[in-house]
Amino acid sequence: ARTSGVLVGQLLLWRLGNAGAALKAFDRALRLAPAGALAPEARWGRILSLRKLGRKAAERAACQDFLNRHGSSLYAPKVRKRLAELTAKE
């Protein structure tokens, strides 16, 4: 169930372009396994979903949360770059 939640979120976001439904799928996956093996992918998916939805404050908070939890992840450089972009626009 945890793996499928992340995969469903990815499909909803990248194949169907449904950021709202993808965000719900990523959130569900994180509720089931907040520190699971796919948590970085779910949190990265949340960031991308929030960005597509235009929810900048929530996206900024999600970036900070991601870096606090997964600062050495492969996604971390992208998250740092996006957080810098969001902060510069303030």
PDB file of N, CA and C in Angstrom:
ATOM      1  N   ALA A   1       0.828  -1.204   0.000  1.00  0.00           N
ATOM      2  CA  ALA A   1       0.000   0.000   0.000  1.00  0.00           C
ATOM      3  C   ALA A   1       0.862   1.253   0.000  1.00  0.00           C
ATOM      4  N   ARG A   2       1.964   1.223   0.758  1.00  0.00           N
ATOM      5  CA  ARG A   2       2.823   2.406   0.821  1.00  0.00           C
ATOM      6  C   ARG A   2       3.484   2.681  -0.522  1.00  0.00           C
ATOM      7  N   THR A   3       4.006   1.636  -1.138  1.00  0.00           N
ATOM      8  CA  THR A   3       4.655   1.791  -2.440  1.00  0.00           C
ATOM      9  C   THR A   3       3.653   2.247  -3.484  1.00  0.00           C
ATOM     10  N   SER A   4       2.486   1.635  -3.473  1.00  0.00           N
ATOM     11  CA  SER A   4       1.491   1.994  -4.488  1.00  0.00           C
ATOM     12  C   SER A   4       1.028   3.434  -4.337  1.00  0.00           C
ATOM     13  N   GLY A   5       0.991   3.957  -3.106  1.00  0.00           N
ATOM     14  CA  GLY A   5       0.594   5.353  -2.908  1.00  0.00           C
ATOM     15  C   GLY A   5       1.531   6.321  -3.598  1.00  0.00           C
ATOM     16  N   VAL A   6       2.814   6.058  -3.491  1.00  0.00           N
ATOM     17  CA  VAL A   6       3.805   6.918  -4.153  1.00  0.00           C
ATOM     18  C   VAL A   6       3.694   6.765  -5.665  1.00  0.00           C
ATOM     19  N   LEU A   7       3.560   5.540  -6.136  1.00  0.00           N
ATOM     20  CA  LEU A   7       3.452   5.309  -7.581  1.00  0.00           C
ATOM     21  C   LEU A   7       2.183   5.940  -8.150  1.00  0.00           C
ATOM     22  N   VAL A   8       1.079   5.821  -7.438  1.00  0.00           N
ATOM     23  CA  VAL A   8      -0.168   6.448  -7.887  1.00  0.00           C
ATOM     24  C   VAL A   8       0.014   7.961  -7.949  1.00  0.00           C
ATOM     25  N   GLY A   9       0.639   8.536  -6.930  1.00  0.00           N
ATOM     26  CA  GLY A   9       0.896   9.976  -6.935  1.00  0.00           C
ATOM     27  C   GLY A   9       1.726  10.404  -8.125  1.00  0.00           C
ATOM     28  N   GLN A  10       2.757   9.637  -8.422  1.00  0.00           N
ATOM     29  CA  GLN A  10       3.611   9.960  -9.569  1.00  0.00           C
ATOM     30  C   GLN A  10       2.827   9.884 -10.878  1.00  0.00           C
ATOM     31  N   LEU A  11       2.019   8.851 -11.019  1.00  0.00           N
ATOM     32  CA  LEU A  11       1.201   8.729 -12.236  1.00  0.00           C
ATOM     33  C   LEU A  11       0.211   9.885 -12.357  1.00  0.00           C
ATOM     34  N   LEU A  12      -0.429  10.215 -11.260  1.00  0.00           N
ATOM     35  CA  LEU A  12      -1.402  11.312 -11.287  1.00  0.00           C
ATOM     36  C   LEU A  12      -0.731  12.628 -11.657  1.00  0.00           C
ATOM     37  N   LEU A  13       0.446  12.854 -11.124  1.00  0.00           N
ATOM     38  CA  LEU A  13       1.137  14.120 -11.376  1.00  0.00           C
ATOM     39  C   LEU A  13       1.753  14.169 -12.766  1.00  0.00           C
ATOM     40  N   TRP A  14       2.552  13.158 -13.104  1.00  0.00           N
ATOM     41  CA  TRP A  14       3.352  13.238 -14.323  1.00  0.00           C
ATOM     42  C   TRP A  14       2.644  12.736 -15.566  1.00  0.00           C
ATOM     43  N   ARG A  15       1.752  11.808 -15.435  1.00  0.00           N
ATOM     44  CA  ARG A  15       1.062  11.282 -16.625  1.00  0.00           C
ATOM     45  C   ARG A  15      -0.290  11.946 -16.849  1.00  0.00           C
ATOM     46  N   LEU A  16      -1.025  12.191 -15.757  1.00  0.00           N
ATOM     47  CA  LEU A  16      -2.370  12.739 -15.899  1.00  0.00           C
ATOM     48  C   LEU A  16      -2.443  14.235 -15.599  1.00  0.00           C
ATOM     49  N   GLY A  17      -1.385  14.789 -15.026  1.00  0.00           N
ATOM     50  CA  GLY A  17      -1.363  16.216 -14.734  1.00  0.00           C
ATOM     51  C   GLY A  17      -2.349  16.656 -13.661  1.00  0.00           C
ATOM     52  N   ASN A  18      -2.735  15.750 -12.781  1.00  0.00           N
ATOM     53  CA  ASN A  18      -3.701  16.054 -11.729  1.00  0.00           C
ATOM     54  C   ASN A  18      -2.958  16.265 -10.415  1.00  0.00           C
ATOM     55  N   ALA A  19      -2.491  17.493 -10.208  1.00  0.00           N
ATOM     56  CA  ALA A  19      -1.665  17.798  -9.040  1.00  0.00           C
ATOM     57  C   ALA A  19      -2.438  17.659  -7.735  1.00  0.00           C
ATOM     58  N   GLY A  20      -3.708  18.008  -7.726  1.00  0.00           N
ATOM     59  CA  GLY A  20      -4.505  17.904  -6.512  1.00  0.00           C
ATOM     60  C   GLY A  20      -4.647  16.467  -6.041  1.00  0.00           C
ATOM     61  N   ALA A  21      -4.980  15.583  -6.954  1.00  0.00           N
ATOM     62  CA  ALA A  21      -5.112  14.162  -6.603  1.00  0.00           C
ATOM     63  C   ALA A  21      -3.744  13.569  -6.259  1.00  0.00           C
ATOM     64  N   ALA A  22      -2.706  14.002  -6.960  1.00  0.00           N
ATOM     65  CA  ALA A  22      -1.360  13.515  -6.668  1.00  0.00           C
ATOM     66  C   ALA A  22      -0.951  13.910  -5.250  1.00  0.00           C
ATOM     67  N   LEU A  23      -1.229  15.154  -4.872  1.00  0.00           N
ATOM     68  CA  LEU A  23      -0.896  15.616  -3.529  1.00  0.00           C
ATOM     69  C   LEU A  23      -1.568  14.742  -2.470  1.00  0.00           C
ATOM     70  N   LYS A  24      -2.823  14.404  -2.693  1.00  0.00           N
ATOM     71  CA  LYS A  24      -3.538  13.524  -1.750  1.00  0.00           C
ATOM     72  C   LYS A  24      -2.879  12.148  -1.672  1.00  0.00           C
ATOM     73  N   ALA A  25      -2.447  11.628  -2.803  1.00  0.00           N
ATOM     74  CA  ALA A  25      -1.795  10.310  -2.815  1.00  0.00           C
ATOM     75  C   ALA A  25      -0.452  10.356  -2.078  1.00  0.00           C
ATOM     76  N   PHE A  26       0.323  11.403  -2.306  1.00  0.00           N
ATOM     77  CA  PHE A  26       1.607  11.524  -1.603  1.00  0.00           C
ATOM     78  C   PHE A  26       1.387  11.698  -0.105  1.00  0.00           C
ATOM     79  N   ASP A  27       0.408  12.506   0.275  1.00  0.00           N
ATOM     80  CA  ASP A  27       0.099  12.698   1.696  1.00  0.00           C
ATOM     81  C   ASP A  27      -0.324  11.382   2.347  1.00  0.00           C
ATOM     82  N   ARG A  28      -1.137  10.613   1.649  1.00  0.00           N
ATOM     83  CA  ARG A  28      -1.586   9.319   2.157  1.00  0.00           C
ATOM     84  C   ARG A  28      -0.390   8.383   2.357  1.00  0.00           C
ATOM     85  N   ALA A  29       0.505   8.354   1.393  1.00  0.00           N
ATOM     86  CA  ALA A  29       1.693   7.500   1.501  1.00  0.00           C
ATOM     87  C   ALA A  29       2.544   7.909   2.698  1.00  0.00           C
ATOM     88  N   LEU A  30       2.653   9.209   2.935  1.00  0.00           N
ATOM     89  CA  LEU A  30       3.454   9.681   4.067  1.00  0.00           C
ATOM     90  C   LEU A  30       2.771   9.416   5.411  1.00  0.00           C
ATOM     91  N   ARG A  31       1.457   9.436   5.434  1.00  0.00           N
ATOM     92  CA  ARG A  31       0.758   9.088   6.672  1.00  0.00           C
ATOM     93  C   ARG A  31       1.006   7.621   7.033  1.00  0.00           C
ATOM     94  N   LEU A  32       1.054   6.757   6.031  1.00  0.00           N
ATOM     95  CA  LEU A  32       1.275   5.333   6.265  1.00  0.00           C
ATOM     96  C   LEU A  32       2.715   5.017   6.652  1.00  0.00           C
ATOM     97  N   ALA A  33       3.667   5.749   6.083  1.00  0.00           N
ATOM     98  CA  ALA A  33       5.083   5.473   6.348  1.00  0.00           C
ATOM     99  C   ALA A  33       5.895   6.766   6.278  1.00  0.00           C
ATOM    100  N   PRO A  34       5.811   7.608   7.319  1.00  0.00           N
ATOM    101  CA  PRO A  34       6.493   8.901   7.274  1.00  0.00           C
ATOM    102  C   PRO A  34       8.013   8.818   7.159  1.00  0.00           C
ATOM    103  N   ALA A  35       8.583   7.702   7.570  1.00  0.00           N
ATOM    104  CA  ALA A  35      10.033   7.544   7.484  1.00  0.00           C
ATOM    105  C   ALA A  35      10.402   6.329   6.636  1.00  0.00           C
ATOM    106  N   GLY A  36       9.488   5.902   5.780  1.00  0.00           N
ATOM    107  CA  GLY A  36       9.726   4.726   4.953  1.00  0.00           C
ATOM    108  C   GLY A  36      10.747   4.969   3.857  1.00  0.00           C
ATOM    109  N   ALA A  37      11.082   3.901   3.167  1.00  0.00           N
ATOM    110  CA  ALA A  37      12.094   3.958   2.110  1.00  0.00           C
ATOM    111  C   ALA A  37      11.711   4.914   0.983  1.00  0.00           C
ATOM    112  N   LEU A  38      10.412   5.079   0.733  1.00  0.00           N
ATOM    113  CA  LEU A  38       9.965   5.954  -0.349  1.00  0.00           C
ATOM    114  C   LEU A  38       9.528   7.336   0.143  1.00  0.00           C
ATOM    115  N   ALA A  39       9.806   7.645   1.395  1.00  0.00           N
ATOM    116  CA  ALA A  39       9.423   8.959   1.931  1.00  0.00           C
ATOM    117  C   ALA A  39      10.059  10.120   1.154  1.00  0.00           C
ATOM    118  N   PRO A  40      11.336  10.034   0.759  1.00  0.00           N
ATOM    119  CA  PRO A  40      11.894  11.149  -0.024  1.00  0.00           C
ATOM    120  C   PRO A  40      11.142  11.354  -1.351  1.00  0.00           C
ATOM    121  N   GLU A  41      10.782  10.260  -2.017  1.00  0.00           N
ATOM    122  CA  GLU A  41      10.045  10.376  -3.274  1.00  0.00           C
ATOM    123  C   GLU A  41       8.663  10.990  -3.041  1.00  0.00           C
ATOM    124  N   ALA A  42       8.013  10.580  -1.957  1.00  0.00           N
ATOM    125  CA  ALA A  42       6.699  11.135  -1.643  1.00  0.00           C
ATOM    126  C   ALA A  42       6.800  12.622  -1.308  1.00  0.00           C
ATOM    127  N   ARG A  43       7.808  13.003  -0.543  1.00  0.00           N
ATOM    128  CA  ARG A  43       7.965  14.422  -0.195  1.00  0.00           C
ATOM    129  C   ARG A  43       8.357  15.252  -1.425  1.00  0.00           C
ATOM    130  N   TRP A  44       9.170  14.707  -2.298  1.00  0.00           N
ATOM    131  CA  TRP A  44       9.518  15.396  -3.542  1.00  0.00           C
ATOM    132  C   TRP A  44       8.262  15.559  -4.401  1.00  0.00           C
ATOM    133  N   GLY A  45       7.462  14.524  -4.470  1.00  0.00           N
ATOM    134  CA  GLY A  45       6.201  14.607  -5.203  1.00  0.00           C
ATOM    135  C   GLY A  45       5.269  15.661  -4.624  1.00  0.00           C
ATOM    136  N   ARG A  46       5.236  15.768  -3.300  1.00  0.00           N
ATOM    137  CA  ARG A  46       4.432  16.819  -2.646  1.00  0.00           C
ATOM    138  C   ARG A  46       4.898  18.199  -3.102  1.00  0.00           C
ATOM    139  N   ILE A  47       6.211  18.405  -3.102  1.00  0.00           N
ATOM    140  CA  ILE A  47       6.764  19.704  -3.501  1.00  0.00           C
ATOM    141  C   ILE A  47       6.344  20.039  -4.931  1.00  0.00           C
ATOM    142  N   LEU A  48       6.497  19.081  -5.832  1.00  0.00           N
ATOM    143  CA  LEU A  48       6.127  19.324  -7.231  1.00  0.00           C
ATOM    144  C   LEU A  48       4.631  19.561  -7.387  1.00  0.00           C
ATOM    145  N   SER A  49       3.830  18.836  -6.624  1.00  0.00           N
ATOM    146  CA  SER A  49       2.372  19.017  -6.681  1.00  0.00           C
ATOM    147  C   SER A  49       1.985  20.402  -6.178  1.00  0.00           C
ATOM    148  N   LEU A  50       2.554  20.795  -5.057  1.00  0.00           N
ATOM    149  CA  LEU A  50       2.257  22.124  -4.499  1.00  0.00           C
ATOM    150  C   LEU A  50       2.694  23.231  -5.460  1.00  0.00           C
ATOM    151  N   ARG A  51       3.830  23.025  -6.107  1.00  0.00           N
ATOM    152  CA  ARG A  51       4.297  24.013  -7.088  1.00  0.00           C
ATOM    153  C   ARG A  51       3.302  24.151  -8.233  1.00  0.00           C
ATOM    154  N   LYS A  52       2.856  23.015  -8.749  1.00  0.00           N
ATOM    155  CA  LYS A  52       1.908  23.037  -9.864  1.00  0.00           C
ATOM    156  C   LYS A  52       0.580  23.679  -9.452  1.00  0.00           C
ATOM    157  N   LEU A  53       0.209  23.509  -8.181  1.00  0.00           N
ATOM    158  CA  LEU A  53      -1.025  24.107  -7.676  1.00  0.00           C
ATOM    159  C   LEU A  53      -0.866  25.594  -7.327  1.00  0.00           C
ATOM    160  N   GLY A  54       0.368  26.093  -7.367  1.00  0.00           N
ATOM    161  CA  GLY A  54       0.610  27.501  -7.066  1.00  0.00           C
ATOM    162  C   GLY A  54       0.547  27.833  -5.586  1.00  0.00           C
ATOM    163  N   ARG A  55       0.724  26.854  -4.736  1.00  0.00           N
ATOM    164  CA  ARG A  55       0.657  27.043  -3.284  1.00  0.00           C
ATOM    165  C   ARG A  55       2.061  27.278  -2.737  1.00  0.00           C
ATOM    166  N   LYS A  56       2.583  28.495  -2.958  1.00  0.00           N
ATOM    167  CA  LYS A  56       3.985  28.803  -2.675  1.00  0.00           C
ATOM    168  C   LYS A  56       4.356  28.694  -1.197  1.00  0.00           C
ATOM    169  N   ALA A  57       3.509  29.167  -0.309  1.00  0.00           N
ATOM    170  CA  ALA A  57       3.836  29.073   1.121  1.00  0.00           C
ATOM    171  C   ALA A  57       3.927  27.615   1.557  1.00  0.00           C
ATOM    172  N   ALA A  58       2.997  26.803   1.112  1.00  0.00           N
ATOM    173  CA  ALA A  58       3.016  25.374   1.446  1.00  0.00           C
ATOM    174  C   ALA A  58       4.204  24.687   0.779  1.00  0.00           C
ATOM    175  N   GLU A  59       4.526  25.095  -0.431  1.00  0.00           N
ATOM    176  CA  GLU A  59       5.678  24.525  -1.135  1.00  0.00           C
ATOM    177  C   GLU A  59       6.966  24.856  -0.390  1.00  0.00           C
ATOM    178  N   ARG A  60       7.092  26.100   0.060  1.00  0.00           N
ATOM    179  CA  ARG A  60       8.275  26.514   0.812  1.00  0.00           C
ATOM    180  C   ARG A  60       8.403  25.679   2.100  1.00  0.00           C
ATOM    181  N   ALA A  61       7.299  25.505   2.810  1.00  0.00           N
ATOM    182  CA  ALA A  61       7.318  24.698   4.034  1.00  0.00           C
ATOM    183  C   ALA A  61       7.672  23.246   3.723  1.00  0.00           C
ATOM    184  N   ALA A  62       7.161  22.725   2.620  1.00  0.00           N
ATOM    185  CA  ALA A  62       7.464  21.346   2.223  1.00  0.00           C
ATOM    186  C   ALA A  62       8.947  21.201   1.879  1.00  0.00           C
ATOM    187  N   CYS A  63       9.521  22.208   1.247  1.00  0.00           N
ATOM    188  CA  CYS A  63      10.957  22.183   0.938  1.00  0.00           C
ATOM    189  C   CYS A  63      11.782  22.162   2.221  1.00  0.00           C
ATOM    190  N   GLN A  64      11.421  23.004   3.168  1.00  0.00           N
ATOM    191  CA  GLN A  64      12.153  23.043   4.436  1.00  0.00           C
ATOM    192  C   GLN A  64      12.034  21.717   5.173  1.00  0.00           C
ATOM    193  N   ASP A  65      10.829  21.149   5.183  1.00  0.00           N
ATOM    194  CA  ASP A  65      10.610  19.859   5.824  1.00  0.00           C
ATOM    195  C   ASP A  65      11.445  18.775   5.136  1.00  0.00           C
ATOM    196  N   PHE A  66      11.451  18.797   3.809  1.00  0.00           N
ATOM    197  CA  PHE A  66      12.231  17.818   3.054  1.00  0.00           C
ATOM    198  C   PHE A  66      13.700  17.879   3.464  1.00  0.00           C
ATOM    199  N   LEU A  67      14.261  19.083   3.481  1.00  0.00           N
ATOM    200  CA  LEU A  67      15.680  19.219   3.794  1.00  0.00           C
ATOM    201  C   LEU A  67      15.989  18.823   5.237  1.00  0.00           C
ATOM    202  N   ASN A  68      15.060  19.086   6.143  1.00  0.00           N
ATOM    203  CA  ASN A  68      15.249  18.666   7.534  1.00  0.00           C
ATOM    204  C   ASN A  68      15.287  17.148   7.655  1.00  0.00           C
ATOM    205  N   ARG A  69      14.501  16.479   6.847  1.00  0.00           N
ATOM    206  CA  ARG A  69      14.389  15.021   6.946  1.00  0.00           C
ATOM    207  C   ARG A  69      15.330  14.270   6.009  1.00  0.00           C
ATOM    208  N   HIS A  70      15.616  14.853   4.851  1.00  0.00           N
ATOM    209  CA  HIS A  70      16.352  14.127   3.802  1.00  0.00           C
ATOM    210  C   HIS A  70      17.443  15.014   3.180  1.00  0.00           C
ATOM    211  N   GLY A  71      18.186  15.703   4.015  1.00  0.00           N
ATOM    212  CA  GLY A  71      19.190  16.653   3.533  1.00  0.00           C
ATOM    213  C   GLY A  71      20.292  16.058   2.678  1.00  0.00           C
ATOM    214  N   SER A  72      20.495  14.763   2.749  1.00  0.00           N
ATOM    215  CA  SER A  72      21.541  14.135   1.932  1.00  0.00           C
ATOM    216  C   SER A  72      20.952  13.307   0.782  1.00  0.00           C
ATOM    217  N   SER A  73      19.651  13.453   0.542  1.00  0.00           N
ATOM    218  CA  SER A  73      18.979  12.728  -0.532  1.00  0.00           C
ATOM    219  C   SER A  73      19.458  13.210  -1.898  1.00  0.00           C
ATOM    220  N   LEU A  74      19.250  12.374  -2.898  1.00  0.00           N
ATOM    221  CA  LEU A  74      19.568  12.781  -4.271  1.00  0.00           C
ATOM    222  C   LEU A  74      18.723  13.972  -4.721  1.00  0.00           C
ATOM    223  N   TYR A  75      17.547  14.137  -4.118  1.00  0.00           N
ATOM    224  CA  TYR A  75      16.670  15.252  -4.465  1.00  0.00           C
ATOM    225  C   TYR A  75      17.071  16.556  -3.766  1.00  0.00           C
ATOM    226  N   ALA A  76      17.899  16.473  -2.740  1.00  0.00           N
ATOM    227  CA  ALA A  76      18.218  17.642  -1.909  1.00  0.00           C
ATOM    228  C   ALA A  76      18.755  18.840  -2.711  1.00  0.00           C
ATOM    229  N   PRO A  77      19.658  18.654  -3.674  1.00  0.00           N
ATOM    230  CA  PRO A  77      20.119  19.828  -4.435  1.00  0.00           C
ATOM    231  C   PRO A  77      18.975  20.540  -5.180  1.00  0.00           C
ATOM    232  N   LYS A  78      18.055  19.767  -5.745  1.00  0.00           N
ATOM    233  CA  LYS A  78      16.915  20.366  -6.437  1.00  0.00           C
ATOM    234  C   LYS A  78      16.022  21.110  -5.446  1.00  0.00           C
ATOM    235  N   VAL A  79      15.840  20.519  -4.278  1.00  0.00           N
ATOM    236  CA  VAL A  79      14.994  21.146  -3.261  1.00  0.00           C
ATOM    237  C   VAL A  79      15.653  22.442  -2.761  1.00  0.00           C
ATOM    238  N   ARG A  80      16.945  22.408  -2.538  1.00  0.00           N
ATOM    239  CA  ARG A  80      17.658  23.630  -2.107  1.00  0.00           C
ATOM    240  C   ARG A  80      17.523  24.734  -3.159  1.00  0.00           C
ATOM    241  N   LYS A  81      17.671  24.365  -4.419  1.00  0.00           N
ATOM    242  CA  LYS A  81      17.553  25.343  -5.498  1.00  0.00           C
ATOM    243  C   LYS A  81      16.147  25.940  -5.524  1.00  0.00           C
ATOM    244  N   ARG A  82      15.135  25.105  -5.412  1.00  0.00           N
ATOM    245  CA  ARG A  82      13.756  25.605  -5.440  1.00  0.00           C
ATOM    246  C   ARG A  82      13.460  26.472  -4.224  1.00  0.00           C
ATOM    247  N   LEU A  83      13.957  26.087  -3.060  1.00  0.00           N
ATOM    248  CA  LEU A  83      13.752  26.884  -1.858  1.00  0.00           C
ATOM    249  C   LEU A  83      14.415  28.254  -2.009  1.00  0.00           C
ATOM    250  N   ALA A  84      15.598  28.287  -2.610  1.00  0.00           N
ATOM    251  CA  ALA A  84      16.268  29.569  -2.858  1.00  0.00           C
ATOM    252  C   ALA A  84      15.442  30.436  -3.808  1.00  0.00           C
ATOM    253  N   GLU A  85      14.847  29.836  -4.832  1.00  0.00           N
ATOM    254  CA  GLU A  85      14.001  30.581  -5.759  1.00  0.00           C
ATOM    255  C   GLU A  85      12.778  31.155  -5.040  1.00  0.00           C
ATOM    256  N   LEU A  86      12.163  30.333  -4.205  1.00  0.00           N
ATOM    257  CA  LEU A  86      10.980  30.785  -3.482  1.00  0.00           C
ATOM    258  C   LEU A  86      11.323  31.897  -2.504  1.00  0.00           C
ATOM    259  N   THR A  87      12.460  31.776  -1.848  1.00  0.00           N
ATOM    260  CA  THR A  87      12.876  32.780  -0.869  1.00  0.00           C
ATOM    261  C   THR A  87      13.245  34.090  -1.556  1.00  0.00           C
ATOM    262  N   ALA A  88      13.866  33.996  -2.720  1.00  0.00           N
ATOM    263  CA  ALA A  88      14.283  35.206  -3.452  1.00  0.00           C
ATOM    264  C   ALA A  88      13.076  36.002  -3.939  1.00  0.00           C
ATOM    265  N   LYS A  89      11.948  35.351  -4.154  1.00  0.00           N
ATOM    266  CA  LYS A  89      10.760  36.026  -4.672  1.00  0.00           C
ATOM    267  C   LYS A  89       9.963  36.730  -3.581  1.00  0.00           C
ATOM    268  N   GLU A  90      10.374  36.561  -2.321  1.00  0.00           N
ATOM    269  CA  GLU A  90       9.627  37.173  -1.216  1.00  0.00           C
ATOM    270  C   GLU A  90       9.844  38.664  -1.143  1.00  0.00           C
TER     271      GLU A  90
END
